[in-house]
PDB file of N, CA and C in Angstrom:
ATOM      1  N   UNK A   1      72.560 125.223-125.871  1.00  0.00           N
ATOM      2  CA  UNK A   1      71.295 125.386-125.154  1.00  0.00           C
ATOM      3  C   UNK A   1      70.738 124.012-124.793  1.00  0.00           C
ATOM      4  N   UNK A   2      70.309 123.886-123.601  1.00  0.00           N
ATOM      5  CA  UNK A   2      69.715 122.646-123.120  1.00  0.00           C
ATOM      6  C   UNK A   2      68.342 122.449-123.762  1.00  0.00           C
ATOM      7  N   UNK A   3      68.029 121.216-124.109  1.00  0.00           N
ATOM      8  CA  UNK A   3      66.695 120.890-124.616  1.00  0.00           C
ATOM      9  C   UNK A   3      65.737 120.841-123.429  1.00  0.00           C
ATOM     10  N   UNK A   4      64.966 121.913-123.246  1.00  0.00           N
ATOM     11  CA  UNK A   4      64.094 122.036-122.086  1.00  0.00           C
ATOM     12  C   UNK A   4      62.998 120.979-122.062  1.00  0.00           C
ATOM     13  N   UNK A   5      62.661 120.409-123.221  1.00  0.00           N
ATOM     14  CA  UNK A   5      61.623 119.377-123.262  1.00  0.00           C
ATOM     15  C   UNK A   5      62.157 118.035-122.771  1.00  0.00           C
ATOM     16  N   UNK A   6      63.477 117.892-122.679  1.00  0.00           N
ATOM     17  CA  UNK A   6      64.073 116.637-122.214  1.00  0.00           C
ATOM     18  C   UNK A   6      64.191 116.595-120.689  1.00  0.00           C
ATOM     19  N   UNK A   7      63.890 117.713-120.033  1.00  0.00           N
ATOM     20  CA  UNK A   7      64.005 117.799-118.584  1.00  0.00           C
ATOM     21  C   UNK A   7      62.693 117.446-117.908  1.00  0.00           C
ATOM     22  N   UNK A   8      62.771 117.104-116.634  1.00  0.00           N
ATOM     23  CA  UNK A   8      61.592 116.956-115.781  1.00  0.00           C
ATOM     24  C   UNK A   8      61.579 118.151-114.834  1.00  0.00           C
ATOM     25  N   UNK A   9      60.391 118.489-114.336  1.00  0.00           N
ATOM     26  CA  UNK A   9      60.226 119.676-113.498  1.00  0.00           C
ATOM     27  C   UNK A   9      59.407 119.337-112.263  1.00  0.00           C
ATOM     28  N   UNK A  10      59.622 120.129-111.200  1.00  0.00           N
ATOM     29  CA  UNK A  10      58.813 119.989-109.993  1.00  0.00           C
ATOM     30  C   UNK A  10      57.917 121.211-109.855  1.00  0.00           C
ATOM     31  N   UNK A  11      56.894 121.092-109.044  1.00  0.00           N
ATOM     32  CA  UNK A  11      56.018 122.236-108.793  1.00  0.00           C
ATOM     33  C   UNK A  11      56.721 123.275-107.914  1.00  0.00           C
ATOM     34  N   UNK A  12      57.891 122.922-107.351  1.00  0.00           N
ATOM     35  CA  UNK A  12      58.694 123.870-106.576  1.00  0.00           C
ATOM     36  C   UNK A  12      59.703 124.595-107.468  1.00  0.00           C
ATOM     37  N   UNK A  13      59.540 124.463-108.794  1.00  0.00           N
ATOM     38  CA  UNK A  13      60.325 125.202-109.792  1.00  0.00           C
ATOM     39  C   UNK A  13      61.776 124.746-109.889  1.00  0.00           C
ATOM     40  N   UNK A  14      61.971 123.452-109.788  1.00  0.00           N
ATOM     41  CA  UNK A  14      63.279 122.870-110.018  1.00  0.00           C
ATOM     42  C   UNK A  14      63.220 122.024-111.289  1.00  0.00           C
ATOM     43  N   UNK A  15      64.365 121.881-111.936  1.00  0.00           N
ATOM     44  CA  UNK A  15      64.453 121.006-113.106  1.00  0.00           C
ATOM     45  C   UNK A  15      65.408 119.861-112.786  1.00  0.00           C
ATOM     46  N   UNK A  16      65.198 118.757-113.495  1.00  0.00           N
ATOM     47  CA  UNK A  16      66.005 117.556-113.319  1.00  0.00           C
ATOM     48  C   UNK A  16      66.386 117.036-114.696  1.00  0.00           C
ATOM     49  N   UNK A  17      67.685 116.794-114.877  1.00  0.00           N
ATOM     50  CA  UNK A  17      68.194 116.143-116.089  1.00  0.00           C
ATOM     51  C   UNK A  17      68.774 114.811-115.644  1.00  0.00           C
ATOM     52  N   UNK A  18      68.177 113.724-116.097  1.00  0.00           N
ATOM     53  CA  UNK A  18      68.598 112.392-115.675  1.00  0.00           C
ATOM     54  C   UNK A  18      69.535 111.779-116.711  1.00  0.00           C
ATOM     55  N   UNK A  19      70.693 111.285-116.230  1.00  0.00           N
ATOM     56  CA  UNK A  19      71.661 110.587-117.073  1.00  0.00           C
ATOM     57  C   UNK A  19      72.020 109.306-116.328  1.00  0.00           C
ATOM     58  N   UNK A  20      71.378 108.202-116.723  1.00  0.00           N
ATOM     59  CA  UNK A  20      71.537 106.952-115.979  1.00  0.00           C
ATOM     60  C   UNK A  20      70.894 107.121-114.614  1.00  0.00           C
ATOM     61  N   UNK A  21      71.687 106.917-113.548  1.00  0.00           N
ATOM     62  CA  UNK A  21      71.137 107.099-112.204  1.00  0.00           C
ATOM     63  C   UNK A  21      71.614 108.411-111.561  1.00  0.00           C
ATOM     64  N   UNK A  22      72.192 109.310-112.373  1.00  0.00           N
ATOM     65  CA  UNK A  22      72.654 110.604-111.877  1.00  0.00           C
ATOM     66  C   UNK A  22      71.709 111.699-112.382  1.00  0.00           C
ATOM     67  N   UNK A  23      71.164 112.447-111.416  1.00  0.00           N
ATOM     68  CA  UNK A  23      70.237 113.541-111.745  1.00  0.00           C
ATOM     69  C   UNK A  23      70.912 114.873-111.443  1.00  0.00           C
ATOM     70  N   UNK A  24      71.016 115.710-112.469  1.00  0.00           N
ATOM     71  CA  UNK A  24      71.482 117.075-112.277  1.00  0.00           C
ATOM     72  C   UNK A  24      70.258 117.907-111.952  1.00  0.00           C
ATOM     73  N   UNK A  25      70.365 118.760-110.921  1.00  0.00           N
ATOM     74  CA  UNK A  25      69.229 119.531-110.427  1.00  0.00           C
ATOM     75  C   UNK A  25      69.575 121.018-110.422  1.00  0.00           C
ATOM     76  N   UNK A  26      68.602 121.829-110.837  1.00  0.00           N
ATOM     77  CA  UNK A  26      68.756 123.281-110.774  1.00  0.00           C
ATOM     78  C   UNK A  26      67.400 123.919-110.596  1.00  0.00           C
ATOM     79  N   UNK A  27      67.370 125.245-110.539  1.00  0.00           N
ATOM     80  CA  UNK A  27      66.073 125.922-110.507  1.00  0.00           C
ATOM     81  C   UNK A  27      65.781 126.458-111.898  1.00  0.00           C
ATOM     82  N   UNK A  28      64.510 126.595-112.200  1.00  0.00           N
ATOM     83  CA  UNK A  28      64.090 126.975-113.542  1.00  0.00           C
ATOM     84  C   UNK A  28      64.317 128.460-113.807  1.00  0.00           C
ATOM     85  N   UNK A  29      64.246 128.818-115.077  1.00  0.00           N
ATOM     86  CA  UNK A  29      64.348 130.216-115.485  1.00  0.00           C
ATOM     87  C   UNK A  29      63.208 131.029-114.870  1.00  0.00           C
ATOM     88  N   UNK A  30      62.021 130.430-114.767  1.00  0.00           N
ATOM     89  CA  UNK A  30      60.874 131.099-114.146  1.00  0.00           C
ATOM     90  C   UNK A  30      61.207 131.458-112.696  1.00  0.00           C
ATOM     91  N   UNK A  31      61.734 130.502-111.944  1.00  0.00           N
ATOM     92  CA  UNK A  31      62.079 130.736-110.534  1.00  0.00           C
ATOM     93  C   UNK A  31      63.188 131.773-110.414  1.00  0.00           C
ATOM     94  N   UNK A  32      64.194 131.664-111.269  1.00  0.00           N
ATOM     95  CA  UNK A  32      65.312 132.604-111.224  1.00  0.00           C
ATOM     96  C   UNK A  32      64.827 134.033-111.481  1.00  0.00           C
ATOM     97  N   UNK A  33      63.899 134.180-112.424  1.00  0.00           N
ATOM     98  CA  UNK A  33      63.350 135.508-112.735  1.00  0.00           C
ATOM     99  C   UNK A  33      62.530 136.039-111.557  1.00  0.00           C
ATOM    100  N   UNK A  34      61.702 135.188-110.964  1.00  0.00           N
ATOM    101  CA  UNK A  34      60.868 135.606-109.834  1.00  0.00           C
ATOM    102  C   UNK A  34      61.707 135.963-108.608  1.00  0.00           C
ATOM    103  N   UNK A  35      62.812 135.252-108.406  1.00  0.00           N
ATOM    104  CA  UNK A  35      63.672 135.518-107.258  1.00  0.00           C
ATOM    105  C   UNK A  35      64.364 136.873-107.359  1.00  0.00           C
ATOM    106  N   UNK A  36      64.670 137.296-108.572  1.00  0.00           N
ATOM    107  CA  UNK A  36      65.505 138.476-108.738  1.00  0.00           C
ATOM    108  C   UNK A  36      66.963 138.056-108.649  1.00  0.00           C
ATOM    109  N   UNK A  37      67.833 139.002-108.387  1.00  0.00           N
ATOM    110  CA  UNK A  37      69.271 138.725-108.376  1.00  0.00           C
ATOM    111  C   UNK A  37      69.634 137.813-107.208  1.00  0.00           C
ATOM    112  N   UNK A  38      70.120 136.621-107.542  1.00  0.00           N
ATOM    113  CA  UNK A  38      70.529 135.656-106.518  1.00  0.00           C
ATOM    114  C   UNK A  38      71.895 136.080-105.981  1.00  0.00           C
ATOM    115  N   UNK A  39      71.991 136.184-104.633  1.00  0.00           N
ATOM    116  CA  UNK A  39      73.214 136.674-104.007  1.00  0.00           C
ATOM    117  C   UNK A  39      73.882 135.638-103.099  1.00  0.00           C
ATOM    118  N   UNK A  40      73.177 134.539-102.786  1.00  0.00           N
ATOM    119  CA  UNK A  40      73.746 133.524-101.896  1.00  0.00           C
ATOM    120  C   UNK A  40      73.066 132.201-102.167  1.00  0.00           C
ATOM    121  N   UNK A  41      73.857 131.137-102.214  1.00  0.00           N
ATOM    122  CA  UNK A  41      73.328 129.783-102.375  1.00  0.00           C
ATOM    123  C   UNK A  41      74.037 128.881-101.368  1.00  0.00           C
ATOM    124  N   UNK A  42      73.242 128.145-100.592  1.00  0.00           N
ATOM    125  CA  UNK A  42      73.783 127.143 -99.670  1.00  0.00           C
ATOM    126  C   UNK A  42      73.301 125.783-100.143  1.00  0.00           C
ATOM    127  N   UNK A  43      74.242 124.876-100.362  1.00  0.00           N
ATOM    128  CA  UNK A  43      73.916 123.555-100.899  1.00  0.00           C
ATOM    129  C   UNK A  43      74.410 122.473 -99.954  1.00  0.00           C
ATOM    130  N   UNK A  44      73.817 121.281-100.033  1.00  0.00           N
ATOM    131  CA  UNK A  44      74.311 120.171 -99.204  1.00  0.00           C
ATOM    132  C   UNK A  44      75.694 119.746 -99.682  1.00  0.00           C
ATOM    133  N   UNK A  45      76.465 119.155 -98.800  1.00  0.00           N
ATOM    134  CA  UNK A  45      77.788 118.690 -99.182  1.00  0.00           C
ATOM    135  C   UNK A  45      77.736 117.397 -99.981  1.00  0.00           C
ATOM    136  N   UNK A  46      78.808 117.138-100.708  1.00  0.00           N
ATOM    137  CA  UNK A  46      78.925 115.867-101.421  1.00  0.00           C
ATOM    138  C   UNK A  46      78.845 114.738-100.405  1.00  0.00           C
ATOM    139  N   UNK A  47      78.263 113.632-100.803  1.00  0.00           N
ATOM    140  CA  UNK A  47      78.043 112.443 -99.977  1.00  0.00           C
ATOM    141  C   UNK A  47      76.899 112.604 -98.980  1.00  0.00           C
ATOM    142  N   UNK A  48      76.171 113.742 -99.033  1.00  0.00           N
ATOM    143  CA  UNK A  48      74.993 113.927 -98.172  1.00  0.00           C
ATOM    144  C   UNK A  48      73.821 113.140 -98.725  1.00  0.00           C
ATOM    145  N   UNK A  49      73.056 112.519 -97.845  1.00  0.00           N
ATOM    146  CA  UNK A  49      71.818 111.854 -98.245  1.00  0.00           C
ATOM    147  C   UNK A  49      70.715 112.901 -98.286  1.00  0.00           C
ATOM    148  N   UNK A  50      69.901 112.857 -99.333  1.00  0.00           N
ATOM    149  CA  UNK A  50      68.746 113.748 -99.444  1.00  0.00           C
ATOM    150  C   UNK A  50      67.502 112.914 -99.704  1.00  0.00           C
ATOM    151  N   UNK A  51      66.373 113.408 -99.208  1.00  0.00           N
ATOM    152  CA  UNK A  51      65.097 112.713 -99.400  1.00  0.00           C
ATOM    153  C   UNK A  51      64.141 113.620-100.151  1.00  0.00           C
ATOM    154  N   UNK A  52      63.424 113.055-101.102  1.00  0.00           N
ATOM    155  CA  UNK A  52      62.476 113.818-101.909  1.00  0.00           C
ATOM    156  C   UNK A  52      61.544 114.622-101.016  1.00  0.00           C
ATOM    157  N   UNK A  53      61.450 115.911-101.303  1.00  0.00           N
ATOM    158  CA  UNK A  53      60.549 116.792-100.578  1.00  0.00           C
ATOM    159  C   UNK A  53      61.147 117.464 -99.364  1.00  0.00           C
ATOM    160  N   UNK A  54      62.314 117.009 -98.939  1.00  0.00           N
ATOM    161  CA  UNK A  54      62.961 117.610 -97.770  1.00  0.00           C
ATOM    162  C   UNK A  54      63.821 118.802 -98.172  1.00  0.00           C
ATOM    163  N   UNK A  55      63.964 119.745 -97.269  1.00  0.00           N
ATOM    164  CA  UNK A  55      64.821 120.907 -97.501  1.00  0.00           C
ATOM    165  C   UNK A  55      66.267 120.427 -97.602  1.00  0.00           C
ATOM    166  N   UNK A  56      66.975 120.905 -98.628  1.00  0.00           N
ATOM    167  CA  UNK A  56      68.370 120.495 -98.804  1.00  0.00           C
ATOM    168  C   UNK A  56      69.300 121.680 -99.012  1.00  0.00           C
ATOM    169  N   UNK A  57      68.772 122.890 -98.915  1.00  0.00           N
ATOM    170  CA  UNK A  57      69.614 124.060 -99.102  1.00  0.00           C
ATOM    171  C   UNK A  57      68.799 125.328 -99.028  1.00  0.00           C
ATOM    172  N   UNK A  58      69.467 126.416 -99.358  1.00  0.00           N
ATOM    173  CA  UNK A  58      68.823 127.722 -99.287  1.00  0.00           C
ATOM    174  C   UNK A  58      69.315 128.578-100.434  1.00  0.00           C
ATOM    175  N   UNK A  59      68.424 129.432-100.920  1.00  0.00           N
ATOM    176  CA  UNK A  59      68.786 130.373-101.968  1.00  0.00           C
ATOM    177  C   UNK A  59      68.275 131.748-101.544  1.00  0.00           C
ATOM    178  N   UNK A  60      69.159 132.725-101.622  1.00  0.00           N
ATOM    179  CA  UNK A  60      68.829 134.077-101.175  1.00  0.00           C
ATOM    180  C   UNK A  60      69.011 135.034-102.340  1.00  0.00           C
ATOM    181  N   UNK A  61      68.032 135.910-102.498  1.00  0.00           N
ATOM    182  CA  UNK A  61      68.116 136.921-103.548  1.00  0.00           C
ATOM    183  C   UNK A  61      67.929 138.290-102.924  1.00  0.00           C
ATOM    184  N   UNK A  62      67.978 139.293-103.761  1.00  0.00           N
ATOM    185  CA  UNK A  62      67.748 140.650-103.274  1.00  0.00           C
ATOM    186  C   UNK A  62      66.305 140.841-102.831  1.00  0.00           C
ATOM    187  N   UNK A  63      65.416 139.932-103.232  1.00  0.00           N
ATOM    188  CA  UNK A  63      63.998 140.032-102.889  1.00  0.00           C
ATOM    189  C   UNK A  63      63.582 139.140-101.725  1.00  0.00           C
ATOM    190  N   UNK A  64      64.205 137.951-101.591  1.00  0.00           N
ATOM    191  CA  UNK A  64      63.719 136.994-100.594  1.00  0.00           C
ATOM    192  C   UNK A  64      64.747 135.916-100.296  1.00  0.00           C
ATOM    193  N   UNK A  65      64.422 135.128 -99.279  1.00  0.00           N
ATOM    194  CA  UNK A  65      65.199 133.938 -98.949  1.00  0.00           C
ATOM    195  C   UNK A  65      64.259 132.749 -99.108  1.00  0.00           C
ATOM    196  N   UNK A  66      64.706 131.720 -99.809  1.00  0.00           N
ATOM    197  CA  UNK A  66      63.861 130.554-100.020  1.00  0.00           C
ATOM    198  C   UNK A  66      64.619 129.270 -99.756  1.00  0.00           C
ATOM    199  N   UNK A  67      63.869 128.234 -99.480  1.00  0.00           N
ATOM    200  CA  UNK A  67      64.461 126.924 -99.261  1.00  0.00           C
ATOM    201  C   UNK A  67      64.508 126.147-100.566  1.00  0.00           C
ATOM    202  N   UNK A  68      65.528 125.333-100.708  1.00  0.00           N
ATOM    203  CA  UNK A  68      65.639 124.412-101.832  1.00  0.00           C
ATOM    204  C   UNK A  68      65.192 123.048-101.341  1.00  0.00           C
ATOM    205  N   UNK A  69      64.369 122.379-102.141  1.00  0.00           N
ATOM    206  CA  UNK A  69      63.844 121.068-101.783  1.00  0.00           C
ATOM    207  C   UNK A  69      64.462 120.008-102.684  1.00  0.00           C
ATOM    208  N   UNK A  70      64.826 118.893-102.100  1.00  0.00           N
ATOM    209  CA  UNK A  70      65.332 117.775-102.894  1.00  0.00           C
ATOM    210  C   UNK A  70      64.186 117.240-103.744  1.00  0.00           C
ATOM    211  N   UNK A  71      64.344 117.190-105.060  1.00  0.00           N
ATOM    212  CA  UNK A  71      63.264 116.699-105.913  1.00  0.00           C
ATOM    213  C   UNK A  71      63.182 115.179-105.959  1.00  0.00           C
ATOM    214  N   UNK A  72      64.211 114.512-105.425  1.00  0.00           N
ATOM    215  CA  UNK A  72      64.238 113.058-105.419  1.00  0.00           C
ATOM    216  C   UNK A  72      65.156 112.591-104.300  1.00  0.00           C
ATOM    217  N   UNK A  73      65.103 111.317-104.011  1.00  0.00           N
ATOM    218  CA  UNK A  73      65.923 110.751-102.932  1.00  0.00           C
ATOM    219  C   UNK A  73      67.195 110.147-103.495  1.00  0.00           C
ATOM    220  N   UNK A  74      68.270 110.323-102.741  1.00  0.00           N
ATOM    221  CA  UNK A  74      69.538 109.752-103.153  1.00  0.00           C
ATOM    222  C   UNK A  74      70.684 110.366-102.390  1.00  0.00           C
ATOM    223  N   UNK A  75      71.869 110.283-102.985  1.00  0.00           N
ATOM    224  CA  UNK A  75      73.085 110.806-102.382  1.00  0.00           C
ATOM    225  C   UNK A  75      73.675 111.869-103.291  1.00  0.00           C
ATOM    226  N   UNK A  76      74.024 113.008-102.717  1.00  0.00           N
ATOM    227  CA  UNK A  76      74.658 114.078-103.486  1.00  0.00           C
ATOM    228  C   UNK A  76      76.049 113.608-103.900  1.00  0.00           C
ATOM    229  N   UNK A  77      76.302 113.600-105.202  1.00  0.00           N
ATOM    230  CA  UNK A  77      77.603 113.158-105.691  1.00  0.00           C
ATOM    231  C   UNK A  77      78.468 114.324-106.164  1.00  0.00           C
ATOM    232  N   UNK A  78      77.834 115.480-106.397  1.00  0.00           N
ATOM    233  CA  UNK A  78      78.594 116.644-106.835  1.00  0.00           C
ATOM    234  C   UNK A  78      77.807 117.905-106.509  1.00  0.00           C
ATOM    235  N   UNK A  79      78.528 118.936-106.104  1.00  0.00           N
ATOM    236  CA  UNK A  79      77.953 120.246-105.828  1.00  0.00           C
ATOM    237  C   UNK A  79      78.598 121.228-106.796  1.00  0.00           C
ATOM    238  N   UNK A  80      77.807 122.140-107.334  1.00  0.00           N
ATOM    239  CA  UNK A  80      78.341 123.131-108.260  1.00  0.00           C
ATOM    240  C   UNK A  80      78.983 124.271-107.463  1.00  0.00           C
ATOM    241  N   UNK A  81      80.272 124.130-107.193  1.00  0.00           N
ATOM    242  CA  UNK A  81      81.001 125.142-106.426  1.00  0.00           C
ATOM    243  C   UNK A  81      81.020 126.492-107.134  1.00  0.00           C
ATOM    244  N   UNK A  82      80.921 126.483-108.463  1.00  0.00           N
ATOM    245  CA  UNK A  82      80.904 127.747-109.205  1.00  0.00           C
ATOM    246  C   UNK A  82      79.704 128.598-108.802  1.00  0.00           C
ATOM    247  N   UNK A  83      78.557 127.960-108.536  1.00  0.00           N
ATOM    248  CA  UNK A  83      77.354 128.688-108.117  1.00  0.00           C
ATOM    249  C   UNK A  83      77.506 129.206-106.686  1.00  0.00           C
ATOM    250  N   UNK A  84      78.159 128.431-105.834  1.00  0.00           N
ATOM    251  CA  UNK A  84      78.403 128.886-104.462  1.00  0.00           C
ATOM    252  C   UNK A  84      79.298 130.125-104.499  1.00  0.00           C
ATOM    253  N   UNK A  85      80.323 130.088-105.355  1.00  0.00           N
ATOM    254  CA  UNK A  85      81.252 131.214-105.483  1.00  0.00           C
ATOM    255  C   UNK A  85      80.636 132.402-106.209  1.00  0.00           C
ATOM    256  N   UNK A  86      79.769 132.139-107.192  1.00  0.00           N
ATOM    257  CA  UNK A  86      79.146 133.189-107.995  1.00  0.00           C
ATOM    258  C   UNK A  86      77.661 132.873-108.186  1.00  0.00           C
ATOM    259  N   UNK A  87      76.823 133.196-107.169  1.00  0.00           N
ATOM    260  CA  UNK A  87      75.400 132.863-107.224  1.00  0.00           C
ATOM    261  C   UNK A  87      74.653 133.465-108.421  1.00  0.00           C
ATOM    262  N   UNK A  88      75.202 134.507-109.034  1.00  0.00           N
ATOM    263  CA  UNK A  88      74.523 135.116-110.188  1.00  0.00           C
ATOM    264  C   UNK A  88      74.413 134.157-111.371  1.00  0.00           C
ATOM    265  N   UNK A  89      75.187 133.065-111.366  1.00  0.00           N
ATOM    266  CA  UNK A  89      75.063 132.054-112.424  1.00  0.00           C
ATOM    267  C   UNK A  89      73.660 131.459-112.467  1.00  0.00           C
ATOM    268  N   UNK A  90      72.984 131.413-111.312  1.00  0.00           N
ATOM    269  CA  UNK A  90      71.615 130.888-111.265  1.00  0.00           C
ATOM    270  C   UNK A  90      70.710 131.734-112.161  1.00  0.00           C
ATOM    271  N   UNK A  91      70.913 133.049-112.163  1.00  0.00           N
ATOM    272  CA  UNK A  91      70.126 133.935-113.011  1.00  0.00           C
ATOM    273  C   UNK A  91      70.597 133.906-114.464  1.00  0.00           C
ATOM    274  N   UNK A  92      71.907 133.928-114.646  1.00  0.00           N
ATOM    275  CA  UNK A  92      72.470 134.047-115.985  1.00  0.00           C
ATOM    276  C   UNK A  92      72.335 132.766-116.803  1.00  0.00           C
ATOM    277  N   UNK A  93      72.479 131.614-116.156  1.00  0.00           N
ATOM    278  CA  UNK A  93      72.495 130.329-116.865  1.00  0.00           C
ATOM    279  C   UNK A  93      71.743 129.260-116.079  1.00  0.00           C
ATOM    280  N   UNK A  94      70.436 129.439-115.834  1.00  0.00           N
ATOM    281  CA  UNK A  94      69.734 128.483-114.972  1.00  0.00           C
ATOM    282  C   UNK A  94      69.753 127.039-115.475  1.00  0.00           C
ATOM    283  N   UNK A  95      69.854 126.836-116.792  1.00  0.00           N
ATOM    284  CA  UNK A  95      69.836 125.475-117.345  1.00  0.00           C
ATOM    285  C   UNK A  95      71.223 125.000-117.792  1.00  0.00           C
ATOM    286  N   UNK A  96      72.251 125.762-117.476  1.00  0.00           N
ATOM    287  CA  UNK A  96      73.604 125.376-117.893  1.00  0.00           C
ATOM    288  C   UNK A  96      74.549 125.520-116.702  1.00  0.00           C
ATOM    289  N   UNK A  97      75.351 126.563-116.669  1.00  0.00           N
ATOM    290  CA  UNK A  97      76.330 126.762-115.613  1.00  0.00           C
ATOM    291  C   UNK A  97      75.734 127.002-114.244  1.00  0.00           C
ATOM    292  N   UNK A  98      74.432 127.287-114.169  1.00  0.00           N
ATOM    293  CA  UNK A  98      73.773 127.565-112.901  1.00  0.00           C
ATOM    294  C   UNK A  98      73.137 126.360-112.235  1.00  0.00           C
ATOM    295  N   UNK A  99      73.463 125.136-112.686  1.00  0.00           N
ATOM    296  CA  UNK A  99      72.922 123.945-112.014  1.00  0.00           C
ATOM    297  C   UNK A  99      73.419 123.937-110.569  1.00  0.00           C
ATOM    298  N   UNK A 100      72.730 123.202-109.701  1.00  0.00           N
ATOM    299  CA  UNK A 100      73.042 123.239-108.272  1.00  0.00           C
ATOM    300  C   UNK A 100      73.764 121.994-107.764  1.00  0.00           C
ATOM    301  N   UNK A 101      73.121 120.829-107.896  1.00  0.00           N
ATOM    302  CA  UNK A 101      73.703 119.593-107.363  1.00  0.00           C
ATOM    303  C   UNK A 101      73.441 118.437-108.321  1.00  0.00           C
ATOM    304  N   UNK A 102      74.231 117.383-108.144  1.00  0.00           N
ATOM    305  CA  UNK A 102      73.993 116.119-108.836  1.00  0.00           C
ATOM    306  C   UNK A 102      73.746 115.068-107.771  1.00  0.00           C
ATOM    307  N   UNK A 103      72.687 114.299-107.982  1.00  0.00           N
ATOM    308  CA  UNK A 103      72.251 113.297-107.014  1.00  0.00           C
ATOM    309  C   UNK A 103      72.235 111.920-107.677  1.00  0.00           C
ATOM    310  N   UNK A 104      72.828 110.932-106.989  1.00  0.00           N
ATOM    311  CA  UNK A 104      72.692 109.543-107.447  1.00  0.00           C
ATOM    312  C   UNK A 104      71.333 109.056-106.953  1.00  0.00           C
ATOM    313  N   UNK A 105      70.454 108.798-107.878  1.00  0.00           N
ATOM    314  CA  UNK A 105      69.077 108.430-107.585  1.00  0.00           C
ATOM    315  C   UNK A 105      68.997 107.082-106.874  1.00  0.00           C
ATOM    316  N   UNK A 106      68.201 107.036-105.822  1.00  0.00           N
ATOM    317  CA  UNK A 106      67.885 105.786-105.137  1.00  0.00           C
ATOM    318  C   UNK A 106      66.414 105.497-105.388  1.00  0.00           C
ATOM    319  N   UNK A 107      66.119 104.377-105.976  1.00  0.00           N
ATOM    320  CA  UNK A 107      64.735 104.033-106.290  1.00  0.00           C
ATOM    321  C   UNK A 107      64.275 104.709-107.572  1.00  0.00           C
ATOM    322  N   UNK A 108      62.979 104.879-107.674  1.00  0.00           N
ATOM    323  CA  UNK A 108      62.379 105.447-108.875  1.00  0.00           C
ATOM    324  C   UNK A 108      62.247 106.961-108.759  1.00  0.00           C
ATOM    325  N   UNK A 109      62.091 107.599-109.901  1.00  0.00           N
ATOM    326  CA  UNK A 109      61.787 109.025-109.901  1.00  0.00           C
ATOM    327  C   UNK A 109      60.409 109.241-109.284  1.00  0.00           C
ATOM    328  N   UNK A 110      60.213 110.344-108.584  1.00  0.00           N
ATOM    329  CA  UNK A 110      58.875 110.636-108.055  1.00  0.00           C
ATOM    330  C   UNK A 110      57.843 110.696-109.178  1.00  0.00           C
ATOM    331  N   UNK A 111      56.628 110.273-108.883  1.00  0.00           N
ATOM    332  CA  UNK A 111      55.580 110.229-109.897  1.00  0.00           C
ATOM    333  C   UNK A 111      54.939 111.572-110.203  1.00  0.00           C
ATOM    334  N   UNK A 112      55.272 112.599-109.412  1.00  0.00           N
ATOM    335  CA  UNK A 112      54.619 113.893-109.607  1.00  0.00           C
ATOM    336  C   UNK A 112      55.448 114.886-110.420  1.00  0.00           C
ATOM    337  N   UNK A 113      56.502 114.398-111.095  1.00  0.00           N
ATOM    338  CA  UNK A 113      57.298 115.290-111.933  1.00  0.00           C
ATOM    339  C   UNK A 113      56.502 115.707-113.161  1.00  0.00           C
ATOM    340  N   UNK A 114      56.810 116.895-113.654  1.00  0.00           N
ATOM    341  CA  UNK A 114      56.094 117.471-114.796  1.00  0.00           C
ATOM    342  C   UNK A 114      56.979 117.471-116.027  1.00  0.00           C
ATOM    343  N   UNK A 115      56.360 117.386-117.211  1.00  0.00           N
ATOM    344  CA  UNK A 115      57.123 117.615-118.439  1.00  0.00           C
ATOM    345  C   UNK A 115      57.087 119.121-118.715  1.00  0.00           C
ATOM    346  N   UNK A 116      57.779 119.576-119.745  1.00  0.00           N
ATOM    347  CA  UNK A 116      57.878 121.022-120.012  1.00  0.00           C
ATOM    348  C   UNK A 116      56.515 121.662-120.244  1.00  0.00           C
ATOM    349  N   UNK A 117      55.653 120.994-120.996  1.00  0.00           N
ATOM    350  CA  UNK A 117      54.330 121.566-121.292  1.00  0.00           C
ATOM    351  C   UNK A 117      53.524 121.745-120.001  1.00  0.00           C
ATOM    352  N   UNK A 118      53.549 120.754-119.128  1.00  0.00           N
ATOM    353  CA  UNK A 118      52.810 120.849-117.867  1.00  0.00           C
ATOM    354  C   UNK A 118      53.412 121.923-116.968  1.00  0.00           C
ATOM    355  N   UNK A 119      54.745 122.050-116.991  1.00  0.00           N
ATOM    356  CA  UNK A 119      55.391 123.093-116.180  1.00  0.00           C
ATOM    357  C   UNK A 119      55.019 124.484-116.705  1.00  0.00           C
ATOM    358  N   UNK A 120      55.009 124.653-118.011  1.00  0.00           N
ATOM    359  CA  UNK A 120      54.631 125.942-118.578  1.00  0.00           C
ATOM    360  C   UNK A 120      53.183 126.275-118.245  1.00  0.00           C
ATOM    361  N   UNK A 121      52.322 125.272-118.228  1.00  0.00           N
ATOM    362  CA  UNK A 121      50.927 125.486-117.835  1.00  0.00           C
ATOM    363  C   UNK A 121      50.847 125.908-116.367  1.00  0.00           C
ATOM    364  N   UNK A 122      51.647 125.286-115.514  1.00  0.00           N
ATOM    365  CA  UNK A 122      51.686 125.620-114.093  1.00  0.00           C
ATOM    366  C   UNK A 122      52.101 127.072-113.878  1.00  0.00           C
ATOM    367  N   UNK A 123      53.025 127.551-114.682  1.00  0.00           N
ATOM    368  CA  UNK A 123      53.572 128.899-114.480  1.00  0.00           C
ATOM    369  C   UNK A 123      52.881 129.974-115.313  1.00  0.00           C
ATOM    370  N   UNK A 124      51.901 129.579-116.099  1.00  0.00           N
ATOM    371  CA  UNK A 124      51.210 130.557-116.964  1.00  0.00           C
ATOM    372  C   UNK A 124      50.351 131.525-116.170  1.00  0.00           C
TER     373      UNK A 124
END
């Protein structure tokens, strides 16, 4: 189980796990539950540049279609092909096998990221 207190969160319901300058990004359990059964995920390709706050993909569930926003700026270094092949991983393992992309961070982390307590307050 991932230590949820070690992650950073966005108000768009994404989580970030930073390891050096590589950030693993996924959507939170709260978002996965609200979306319902995820049936399609479109992600940026490896080597794509992403900018914090810009749309970088799409997630579709039985309830809705939503955009994925880059939580930070950098270059996509890895895409979770398992999620593209089996989008239900987003629901089943949002903090493990359901991660979406890995980004090599350029510059500093955005200043508006939340810790777990602040994210739980946001979603209460």
